[in-house]
Amino acid sequence: MSESYARLKDLDPHAFSRARSVVSRQVENFPEEALHVIANEVIARVLAQHNARVRGYTEPSMAQIDEFCDALVSPNENDAAKMMDDVRDHGGSLELIYLGYLAGAARRMGERWENDTANFVDVTLATGRIYSIMRGLSKLFGPKTPLPKRKAIFASVPGETHSLGISMATDMLEQRGWEIDLLVDRSHEDLLTAIQAADHTIVGLSASKSESIVPLARLCVALRISTPHVFIMVGGHLTTLETDIGTLIDVDLTTNDAFEAAERLEMVVARL
């Protein structure tokens, strides 16, 4: 990791590095239509976070936002982080970076896209870098009080019709004393709303077919931004079909074995 990223104050280098790697792999492997969907999701969720929070700081000027947007699409991948270093060095708060610059840049890149002053490559590059920086700062914006540790939401990815595996995992964990909310046949927005309302520590997502990769990636991006504190596990036959799924999707655990899932989640609880 470069010096500029390492010294960006309060950045979690592991979360940032993993997010940047996932974004890079998606750009290499996903079709343009899928990248368009994910870029739009990043913009929408970042703006939702911005609008939901009470802001107690002076918003960056349009000129500052445009300068940051230019840094986000720079050939030098460190330029955006260096700019945020300067903001912090001059007394800028984390809220200013997270909600001011990152949200402002997301909005501005969306505008540039709509009025054709930014192309698809620019927007994909910028939203990927916005997402990576937000992931690096996400732990600072998690819940301030401990969450119940033996509760989880298990959900099938939108568009999935197979729920046997996730139902078995639910039954197994409930026998071990867990409280599991099982959600199947829900839309993307319905799942996000339910997960945010439940505010659980662990989210388990089930996918069985290769066609679910993009809906899964979209859902995980949305969760990482809207509920940055959650531990995300992905299970189901997709993890067998796509053995490198963990490098394409920003999740904490992948498995297609209900017994392994139960054991690993018990370890997660102990660690949390």
C-alpha atoms as a PDB file:
ATOM      1  CA  MET A   1       0.000   0.000   0.000  1.00  0.00           C
ATOM      2  CA  SER A   2       1.320   3.424  -0.891  1.00  0.00           C
ATOM      3  CA  GLU A   3       2.480   5.890   1.715  1.00  0.00           C
ATOM      4  CA  SER A   4      -0.341   8.322   0.966  1.00  0.00           C
ATOM      5  CA  TYR A   5      -3.024   5.725   1.656  1.00  0.00           C
ATOM      6  CA  ALA A   6      -1.258   4.416   4.714  1.00  0.00           C
ATOM      7  CA  ARG A   7      -1.111   7.844   6.270  1.00  0.00           C
ATOM      8  CA  LEU A   8      -4.717   8.868   5.553  1.00  0.00           C
ATOM      9  CA  LYS A   9      -5.811   9.312   9.138  1.00  0.00           C
ATOM     10  CA  ASP A  10      -8.183   6.728  10.624  1.00  0.00           C
ATOM     11  CA  LEU A  11      -8.200   4.632   7.442  1.00  0.00           C
ATOM     12  CA  ASP A  12      -8.525   0.876   7.940  1.00  0.00           C
ATOM     13  CA  PRO A  13      -5.865  -0.357   5.504  1.00  0.00           C
ATOM     14  CA  HIS A  14      -7.254  -3.902   5.310  1.00  0.00           C
ATOM     15  CA  ALA A  15     -10.812  -2.825   4.466  1.00  0.00           C
ATOM     16  CA  PHE A  16      -9.542  -0.267   1.977  1.00  0.00           C
ATOM     17  CA  SER A  17      -7.136  -2.644   0.260  1.00  0.00           C
ATOM     18  CA  ARG A  18      -9.754  -5.394   0.009  1.00  0.00           C
ATOM     19  CA  ALA A  19     -12.357  -3.027  -1.436  1.00  0.00           C
ATOM     20  CA  ARG A  20      -9.886  -1.714  -4.002  1.00  0.00           C
ATOM     21  CA  SER A  21      -8.977  -5.276  -5.018  1.00  0.00           C
ATOM     22  CA  VAL A  22     -12.648  -6.267  -5.378  1.00  0.00           C
ATOM     23  CA  VAL A  23     -13.394  -3.207  -7.505  1.00  0.00           C
ATOM     24  CA  SER A  24     -10.421  -3.987  -9.744  1.00  0.00           C
ATOM     25  CA  ARG A  25     -11.561  -7.604 -10.194  1.00  0.00           C
ATOM     26  CA  GLN A  26     -15.090  -6.504 -11.051  1.00  0.00           C
ATOM     27  CA  VAL A  27     -13.809  -4.109 -13.700  1.00  0.00           C
ATOM     28  CA  GLU A  28     -11.788  -6.966 -15.203  1.00  0.00           C
ATOM     29  CA  ASN A  29     -14.569  -9.577 -15.123  1.00  0.00           C
ATOM     30  CA  PHE A  30     -17.988  -7.904 -15.239  1.00  0.00           C
ATOM     31  CA  PRO A  31     -19.669  -6.689 -18.444  1.00  0.00           C
ATOM     32  CA  GLU A  32     -20.218  -2.962 -18.878  1.00  0.00           C
ATOM     33  CA  GLU A  33     -23.921  -3.250 -18.057  1.00  0.00           C
ATOM     34  CA  ALA A  34     -23.127  -4.844 -14.685  1.00  0.00           C
ATOM     35  CA  LEU A  35     -20.527  -2.190 -13.866  1.00  0.00           C
ATOM     36  CA  HIS A  36     -23.124   0.450 -14.725  1.00  0.00           C
ATOM     37  CA  VAL A  37     -25.554  -1.107 -12.226  1.00  0.00           C
ATOM     38  CA  ILE A  38     -22.940  -1.199  -9.462  1.00  0.00           C
ATOM     39  CA  ALA A  39     -21.730   2.360 -10.126  1.00  0.00           C
ATOM     40  CA  ASN A  40     -25.308   3.616  -9.914  1.00  0.00           C
ATOM     41  CA  GLU A  41     -25.764   1.707  -6.652  1.00  0.00           C
ATOM     42  CA  VAL A  42     -22.676   3.327  -5.120  1.00  0.00           C
ATOM     43  CA  ILE A  43     -23.916   6.788  -6.074  1.00  0.00           C
ATOM     44  CA  ALA A  44     -27.423   6.142  -4.752  1.00  0.00           C
ATOM     45  CA  ARG A  45     -26.306   4.674  -1.405  1.00  0.00           C
ATOM     46  CA  VAL A  46     -23.644   7.303  -0.737  1.00  0.00           C
ATOM     47  CA  LEU A  47     -26.201  10.047  -1.323  1.00  0.00           C
ATOM     48  CA  ALA A  48     -28.715   8.261   0.908  1.00  0.00           C
ATOM     49  CA  GLN A  49     -26.144   8.194   3.710  1.00  0.00           C
ATOM     50  CA  HIS A  50     -25.435  11.876   3.191  1.00  0.00           C
ATOM     51  CA  ASN A  51     -29.107  12.849   3.312  1.00  0.00           C
ATOM     52  CA  ALA A  52     -29.840  10.710   6.383  1.00  0.00           C
ATOM     53  CA  ARG A  53     -27.206  12.266   8.627  1.00  0.00           C
ATOM     54  CA  VAL A  54     -27.318  15.559  10.486  1.00  0.00           C
ATOM     55  CA  ARG A  55     -24.436  17.642   9.236  1.00  0.00           C
ATOM     56  CA  GLY A  56     -22.622  20.073  11.487  1.00  0.00           C
ATOM     57  CA  TYR A  57     -19.909  21.319   9.177  1.00  0.00           C
ATOM     58  CA  THR A  58     -19.468  23.610   6.184  1.00  0.00           C
ATOM     59  CA  GLU A  59     -20.027  21.695   2.964  1.00  0.00           C
ATOM     60  CA  PRO A  60     -17.190  21.725   0.428  1.00  0.00           C
ATOM     61  CA  SER A  61     -17.575  24.262  -2.344  1.00  0.00           C
ATOM     62  CA  MET A  62     -18.455  23.176  -5.857  1.00  0.00           C
ATOM     63  CA  ALA A  63     -14.906  24.023  -6.915  1.00  0.00           C
ATOM     64  CA  GLN A  64     -13.519  21.749  -4.193  1.00  0.00           C
ATOM     65  CA  ILE A  65     -15.880  18.940  -5.203  1.00  0.00           C
ATOM     66  CA  ASP A  66     -14.886  19.311  -8.857  1.00  0.00           C
ATOM     67  CA  GLU A  67     -11.225  19.212  -7.879  1.00  0.00           C
ATOM     68  CA  PHE A  68     -11.848  16.028  -5.911  1.00  0.00           C
ATOM     69  CA  CYS A  69     -13.755  14.484  -8.839  1.00  0.00           C
ATOM     70  CA  ASP A  70     -10.780  15.211 -11.067  1.00  0.00           C
ATOM     71  CA  ALA A  71      -8.530  13.482  -8.528  1.00  0.00           C
ATOM     72  CA  LEU A  72     -10.857  10.472  -8.464  1.00  0.00           C
ATOM     73  CA  VAL A  73     -10.426   9.929 -12.209  1.00  0.00           C
ATOM     74  CA  SER A  74      -6.711  10.741 -12.263  1.00  0.00           C
ATOM     75  CA  PRO A  75      -4.304   8.193 -13.799  1.00  0.00           C
ATOM     76  CA  ASN A  76      -2.542   8.338 -10.429  1.00  0.00           C
ATOM     77  CA  GLU A  77      -4.712   6.230  -8.123  1.00  0.00           C
ATOM     78  CA  ASN A  78      -3.242   8.013  -5.080  1.00  0.00           C
ATOM     79  CA  ASP A  79      -4.347  11.544  -5.993  1.00  0.00           C
ATOM     80  CA  ALA A  80      -7.770  11.331  -4.339  1.00  0.00           C
ATOM     81  CA  ALA A  81      -6.357   9.987  -1.060  1.00  0.00           C
ATOM     82  CA  LYS A  82      -3.629  12.634  -1.084  1.00  0.00           C
ATOM     83  CA  MET A  83      -6.288  15.305  -1.389  1.00  0.00           C
ATOM     84  CA  MET A  84      -8.151  13.846   1.589  1.00  0.00           C
ATOM     85  CA  ASP A  85      -4.842  13.813   3.491  1.00  0.00           C
ATOM     86  CA  ASP A  86      -4.582  17.557   2.891  1.00  0.00           C
ATOM     87  CA  VAL A  87      -8.159  18.086   4.092  1.00  0.00           C
ATOM     88  CA  ARG A  88      -7.418  16.212   7.307  1.00  0.00           C
ATOM     89  CA  ASP A  89      -4.086  18.003   7.776  1.00  0.00           C
ATOM     90  CA  HIS A  90      -5.951  21.310   7.649  1.00  0.00           C
ATOM     91  CA  GLY A  91      -8.416  20.275  10.349  1.00  0.00           C
ATOM     92  CA  GLY A  92     -11.135  18.673   8.230  1.00  0.00           C
ATOM     93  CA  SER A  93     -13.316  16.195  10.131  1.00  0.00           C
ATOM     94  CA  LEU A  94     -14.091  12.635   9.143  1.00  0.00           C
ATOM     95  CA  GLU A  95     -17.677  13.729   8.554  1.00  0.00           C
ATOM     96  CA  LEU A  96     -16.416  16.329   6.088  1.00  0.00           C
ATOM     97  CA  ILE A  97     -14.581  13.638   4.127  1.00  0.00           C
ATOM     98  CA  TYR A  98     -17.212  10.921   4.419  1.00  0.00           C
ATOM     99  CA  LEU A  99     -20.352  12.998   3.943  1.00  0.00           C
ATOM    100  CA  GLY A 100     -19.023  16.141   2.330  1.00  0.00           C
ATOM    101  CA  TYR A 101     -16.398  15.176  -0.208  1.00  0.00           C
ATOM    102  CA  LEU A 102     -17.332  11.555  -0.930  1.00  0.00           C
ATOM    103  CA  ALA A 103     -21.067  12.198  -1.095  1.00  0.00           C
ATOM    104  CA  GLY A 104     -20.544  15.443  -2.983  1.00  0.00           C
ATOM    105  CA  ALA A 105     -18.315  13.685  -5.506  1.00  0.00           C
ATOM    106  CA  ALA A 106     -20.846  10.882  -5.946  1.00  0.00           C
ATOM    107  CA  ARG A 107     -23.539  13.433  -6.733  1.00  0.00           C
ATOM    108  CA  ARG A 108     -21.254  15.405  -9.039  1.00  0.00           C
ATOM    109  CA  MET A 109     -20.087  12.327 -10.963  1.00  0.00           C
ATOM    110  CA  GLY A 110     -23.729  11.374 -11.461  1.00  0.00           C
ATOM    111  CA  GLU A 111     -24.382  14.839 -12.895  1.00  0.00           C
ATOM    112  CA  ARG A 112     -21.341  14.610 -15.153  1.00  0.00           C
ATOM    113  CA  TRP A 113     -22.574  11.238 -16.380  1.00  0.00           C
ATOM    114  CA  GLU A 114     -26.032  12.596 -17.152  1.00  0.00           C
ATOM    115  CA  ASN A 115     -24.773  15.639 -19.043  1.00  0.00           C
ATOM    116  CA  ASP A 116     -22.094  13.638 -20.906  1.00  0.00           C
ATOM    117  CA  THR A 117     -19.099  15.429 -19.417  1.00  0.00           C
ATOM    118  CA  ALA A 118     -17.907  12.143 -17.912  1.00  0.00           C
ATOM    119  CA  ASN A 119     -17.781   8.837 -19.742  1.00  0.00           C
ATOM    120  CA  PHE A 120     -18.489   5.353 -18.457  1.00  0.00           C
ATOM    121  CA  VAL A 121     -14.851   4.643 -17.647  1.00  0.00           C
ATOM    122  CA  ASP A 122     -14.559   7.863 -15.601  1.00  0.00           C
ATOM    123  CA  VAL A 123     -17.659   7.130 -13.554  1.00  0.00           C
ATOM    124  CA  THR A 124     -16.676   3.509 -12.934  1.00  0.00           C
ATOM    125  CA  LEU A 125     -13.205   4.583 -11.832  1.00  0.00           C
ATOM    126  CA  ALA A 126     -14.493   7.360  -9.575  1.00  0.00           C
ATOM    127  CA  THR A 127     -17.245   5.343  -7.899  1.00  0.00           C
ATOM    128  CA  GLY A 128     -14.834   2.469  -7.295  1.00  0.00           C
ATOM    129  CA  ARG A 129     -12.403   4.807  -5.546  1.00  0.00           C
ATOM    130  CA  ILE A 130     -15.204   6.461  -3.572  1.00  0.00           C
ATOM    131  CA  TYR A 131     -16.364   3.035  -2.430  1.00  0.00           C
ATOM    132  CA  SER A 132     -12.838   1.989  -1.424  1.00  0.00           C
ATOM    133  CA  ILE A 133     -12.268   5.091   0.699  1.00  0.00           C
ATOM    134  CA  MET A 134     -15.687   4.712   2.340  1.00  0.00           C
ATOM    135  CA  ARG A 135     -14.898   1.086   3.175  1.00  0.00           C
ATOM    136  CA  GLY A 136     -11.634   2.183   4.721  1.00  0.00           C
ATOM    137  CA  LEU A 137     -13.478   4.619   6.983  1.00  0.00           C
ATOM    138  CA  SER A 138     -16.561   2.463   7.606  1.00  0.00           C
ATOM    139  CA  LYS A 139     -15.699   1.237  11.093  1.00  0.00           C
ATOM    140  CA  LEU A 140     -15.776   4.811  12.338  1.00  0.00           C
ATOM    141  CA  PHE A 141     -19.431   5.087  11.362  1.00  0.00           C
ATOM    142  CA  GLY A 142     -20.739   1.848  12.828  1.00  0.00           C
ATOM    143  CA  PRO A 143     -23.073   1.580  15.808  1.00  0.00           C
ATOM    144  CA  LYS A 144     -21.854   3.105  19.064  1.00  0.00           C
ATOM    145  CA  THR A 145     -23.394   0.418  21.283  1.00  0.00           C
ATOM    146  CA  PRO A 146     -22.845  -3.371  21.171  1.00  0.00           C
ATOM    147  CA  LEU A 147     -25.257  -5.295  18.996  1.00  0.00           C
ATOM    148  CA  PRO A 148     -26.888  -8.610  19.928  1.00  0.00           C
ATOM    149  CA  LYS A 149     -24.317 -11.220  18.923  1.00  0.00           C
ATOM    150  CA  ARG A 150     -26.414 -14.318  18.335  1.00  0.00           C
ATOM    151  CA  LYS A 151     -28.893 -12.776  15.950  1.00  0.00           C
ATOM    152  CA  ALA A 152     -28.644 -12.758  12.175  1.00  0.00           C
ATOM    153  CA  ILE A 153     -30.590 -12.158   9.007  1.00  0.00           C
ATOM    154  CA  PHE A 154     -30.413 -14.840   6.328  1.00  0.00           C
ATOM    155  CA  ALA A 155     -31.715 -13.861   2.907  1.00  0.00           C
ATOM    156  CA  SER A 156     -31.819 -15.202  -0.606  1.00  0.00           C
ATOM    157  CA  VAL A 157     -30.431 -12.875  -3.254  1.00  0.00           C
ATOM    158  CA  PRO A 158     -33.122 -11.135  -5.346  1.00  0.00           C
ATOM    159  CA  GLY A 159     -34.145 -13.365  -8.232  1.00  0.00           C
ATOM    160  CA  GLU A 160     -33.264 -16.608  -6.448  1.00  0.00           C
ATOM    161  CA  THR A 161     -35.898 -19.334  -6.224  1.00  0.00           C
ATOM    162  CA  HIS A 162     -33.943 -21.999  -4.293  1.00  0.00           C
ATOM    163  CA  SER A 163     -34.218 -21.614  -0.524  1.00  0.00           C
ATOM    164  CA  LEU A 164     -33.604 -25.147   0.788  1.00  0.00           C
ATOM    165  CA  GLY A 165     -29.964 -24.558   1.676  1.00  0.00           C
ATOM    166  CA  ILE A 166     -30.542 -21.313   3.501  1.00  0.00           C
ATOM    167  CA  SER A 167     -33.503 -22.850   5.327  1.00  0.00           C
ATOM    168  CA  MET A 168     -31.279 -25.720   6.505  1.00  0.00           C
ATOM    169  CA  ALA A 169     -28.631 -23.295   7.745  1.00  0.00           C
ATOM    170  CA  THR A 170     -31.342 -21.333   9.551  1.00  0.00           C
ATOM    171  CA  ASP A 171     -32.666 -24.465  11.269  1.00  0.00           C
ATOM    172  CA  MET A 172     -29.170 -25.536  12.292  1.00  0.00           C
ATOM    173  CA  LEU A 173     -28.302 -22.211  13.897  1.00  0.00           C
ATOM    174  CA  GLU A 174     -31.677 -21.933  15.605  1.00  0.00           C
ATOM    175  CA  GLN A 175     -31.001 -25.318  17.199  1.00  0.00           C
ATOM    176  CA  ARG A 176     -27.814 -23.803  18.591  1.00  0.00           C
ATOM    177  CA  GLY A 177     -29.709 -20.935  20.197  1.00  0.00           C
ATOM    178  CA  TRP A 178     -29.513 -18.314  17.475  1.00  0.00           C
ATOM    179  CA  GLU A 179     -32.340 -15.985  16.486  1.00  0.00           C
ATOM    180  CA  ILE A 180     -32.525 -15.941  12.689  1.00  0.00           C
ATOM    181  CA  ASP A 181     -34.758 -13.781  10.533  1.00  0.00           C
ATOM    182  CA  LEU A 182     -35.204 -15.605   7.222  1.00  0.00           C
ATOM    183  CA  LEU A 183     -36.050 -13.485   4.176  1.00  0.00           C
ATOM    184  CA  VAL A 184     -36.795 -15.079   0.803  1.00  0.00           C
ATOM    185  CA  ASP A 185     -38.282 -13.774  -2.427  1.00  0.00           C
ATOM    186  CA  ARG A 186     -37.604 -10.131  -1.557  1.00  0.00           C
ATOM    187  CA  SER A 187     -36.626  -7.282  -3.849  1.00  0.00           C
ATOM    188  CA  HIS A 188     -33.331  -5.436  -3.563  1.00  0.00           C
ATOM    189  CA  GLU A 189     -34.925  -2.446  -1.850  1.00  0.00           C
ATOM    190  CA  ASP A 190     -37.032  -4.606   0.473  1.00  0.00           C
ATOM    191  CA  LEU A 191     -33.954  -6.493   1.634  1.00  0.00           C
ATOM    192  CA  LEU A 192     -32.001  -3.315   2.316  1.00  0.00           C
ATOM    193  CA  THR A 193     -34.886  -1.835   4.286  1.00  0.00           C
ATOM    194  CA  ALA A 194     -35.316  -5.005   6.364  1.00  0.00           C
ATOM    195  CA  ILE A 195     -31.612  -5.374   7.099  1.00  0.00           C
ATOM    196  CA  GLN A 196     -31.241  -1.737   8.107  1.00  0.00           C
ATOM    197  CA  ALA A 197     -34.301  -1.954  10.360  1.00  0.00           C
ATOM    198  CA  ALA A 198     -33.116  -5.148  12.057  1.00  0.00           C
ATOM    199  CA  ASP A 199     -29.606  -3.766  12.687  1.00  0.00           C
ATOM    200  CA  HIS A 200     -28.138  -7.253  13.227  1.00  0.00           C
ATOM    201  CA  THR A 201     -24.442  -8.006  13.388  1.00  0.00           C
ATOM    202  CA  ILE A 202     -24.466 -10.807  10.796  1.00  0.00           C
ATOM    203  CA  VAL A 203     -26.075 -11.039   7.351  1.00  0.00           C
ATOM    204  CA  GLY A 204     -26.067 -14.339   5.466  1.00  0.00           C
ATOM    205  CA  LEU A 205     -26.861 -14.233   1.736  1.00  0.00           C
ATOM    206  CA  SER A 206     -27.694 -17.274  -0.381  1.00  0.00           C
ATOM    207  CA  ALA A 207     -27.196 -17.596  -4.140  1.00  0.00           C
ATOM    208  CA  SER A 208     -27.365 -20.721  -6.282  1.00  0.00           C
ATOM    209  CA  LYS A 209     -26.748 -19.647  -9.900  1.00  0.00           C
ATOM    210  CA  SER A 210     -24.144 -17.685 -11.847  1.00  0.00           C
ATOM    211  CA  GLU A 211     -26.788 -15.176 -12.926  1.00  0.00           C
ATOM    212  CA  SER A 212     -26.987 -14.051  -9.298  1.00  0.00           C
ATOM    213  CA  ILE A 213     -23.439 -12.643  -9.240  1.00  0.00           C
ATOM    214  CA  VAL A 214     -24.416  -9.122 -10.286  1.00  0.00           C
ATOM    215  CA  PRO A 215     -27.488  -8.862  -7.995  1.00  0.00           C
ATOM    216  CA  LEU A 216     -25.277 -10.202  -5.192  1.00  0.00           C
ATOM    217  CA  ALA A 217     -22.520  -7.687  -5.935  1.00  0.00           C
ATOM    218  CA  ARG A 218     -25.055  -4.861  -6.051  1.00  0.00           C
ATOM    219  CA  LEU A 219     -26.606  -5.920  -2.747  1.00  0.00           C
ATOM    220  CA  CYS A 220     -23.236  -6.239  -1.005  1.00  0.00           C
ATOM    221  CA  VAL A 221     -22.117  -2.792  -2.202  1.00  0.00           C
ATOM    222  CA  ALA A 222     -25.343  -1.310  -0.867  1.00  0.00           C
ATOM    223  CA  LEU A 223     -24.938  -3.089   2.480  1.00  0.00           C
ATOM    224  CA  ARG A 224     -21.302  -2.037   2.851  1.00  0.00           C
ATOM    225  CA  ILE A 225     -22.321   1.598   2.502  1.00  0.00           C
ATOM    226  CA  SER A 226     -25.675   1.628   4.320  1.00  0.00           C
ATOM    227  CA  THR A 227     -24.799  -0.828   7.141  1.00  0.00           C
ATOM    228  CA  PRO A 228     -20.986  -0.741   7.338  1.00  0.00           C
ATOM    229  CA  HIS A 229     -20.815  -2.669  10.631  1.00  0.00           C
ATOM    230  CA  VAL A 230     -22.294  -5.970   9.417  1.00  0.00           C
ATOM    231  CA  PHE A 231     -20.420  -9.218   8.850  1.00  0.00           C
ATOM    232  CA  ILE A 232     -21.504 -10.583   5.459  1.00  0.00           C
ATOM    233  CA  MET A 233     -21.475 -14.295   4.674  1.00  0.00           C
ATOM    234  CA  VAL A 234     -22.355 -15.733   1.249  1.00  0.00           C
ATOM    235  CA  GLY A 235     -23.426 -19.341   0.840  1.00  0.00           C
ATOM    236  CA  GLY A 236     -25.155 -21.541  -1.694  1.00  0.00           C
ATOM    237  CA  HIS A 237     -24.247 -23.376  -4.864  1.00  0.00           C
ATOM    238  CA  LEU A 238     -22.870 -20.186  -6.452  1.00  0.00           C
ATOM    239  CA  THR A 239     -19.797 -20.508  -4.240  1.00  0.00           C
ATOM    240  CA  THR A 240     -19.128 -23.860  -5.922  1.00  0.00           C
ATOM    241  CA  LEU A 241     -19.852 -22.654  -9.442  1.00  0.00           C
ATOM    242  CA  GLU A 242     -17.661 -19.581  -8.978  1.00  0.00           C
ATOM    243  CA  THR A 243     -14.783 -20.650  -6.753  1.00  0.00           C
ATOM    244  CA  ASP A 244     -13.233 -17.166  -6.837  1.00  0.00           C
ATOM    245  CA  ILE A 245     -16.459 -15.439  -5.775  1.00  0.00           C
ATOM    246  CA  GLY A 246     -14.682 -14.067  -2.709  1.00  0.00           C
ATOM    247  CA  THR A 247     -12.416 -11.973  -4.929  1.00  0.00           C
ATOM    248  CA  LEU A 248     -15.344 -10.557  -6.924  1.00  0.00           C
ATOM    249  CA  ILE A 249     -17.673  -9.671  -4.053  1.00  0.00           C
ATOM    250  CA  ASP A 250     -16.743  -7.670  -0.951  1.00  0.00           C
ATOM    251  CA  VAL A 251     -17.795 -10.189   1.718  1.00  0.00           C
ATOM    252  CA  ASP A 252     -16.264 -11.653   4.868  1.00  0.00           C
ATOM    253  CA  LEU A 253     -16.960 -15.363   4.388  1.00  0.00           C
ATOM    254  CA  THR A 254     -18.059 -17.728   1.599  1.00  0.00           C
ATOM    255  CA  THR A 255     -19.133 -21.341   2.080  1.00  0.00           C
ATOM    256  CA  ASN A 256     -21.472 -23.921   0.588  1.00  0.00           C
ATOM    257  CA  ASP A 257     -21.595 -26.109   3.691  1.00  0.00           C
ATOM    258  CA  ALA A 258     -24.243 -25.487   6.328  1.00  0.00           C
ATOM    259  CA  PHE A 259     -22.174 -27.157   9.044  1.00  0.00           C
ATOM    260  CA  GLU A 260     -19.132 -25.048   8.185  1.00  0.00           C
ATOM    261  CA  ALA A 261     -21.281 -21.916   8.117  1.00  0.00           C
ATOM    262  CA  ALA A 262     -22.578 -22.634  11.607  1.00  0.00           C
ATOM    263  CA  GLU A 263     -19.109 -23.305  12.985  1.00  0.00           C
ATOM    264  CA  ARG A 264     -17.578 -20.238  11.349  1.00  0.00           C
ATOM    265  CA  LEU A 265     -20.360 -17.970  12.582  1.00  0.00           C
ATOM    266  CA  GLU A 266     -19.861 -19.249  16.125  1.00  0.00           C
ATOM    267  CA  MET A 267     -16.220 -18.190  15.760  1.00  0.00           C
ATOM    268  CA  VAL A 268     -17.317 -14.799  14.477  1.00  0.00           C
ATOM    269  CA  VAL A 269     -19.548 -14.319  17.509  1.00  0.00           C
ATOM    270  CA  ALA A 270     -16.702 -15.233  19.838  1.00  0.00           C
ATOM    271  CA  ARG A 271     -14.452 -12.707  18.107  1.00  0.00           C
ATOM    272  CA  LEU A 272     -17.067  -9.942  18.129  1.00  0.00           C
END
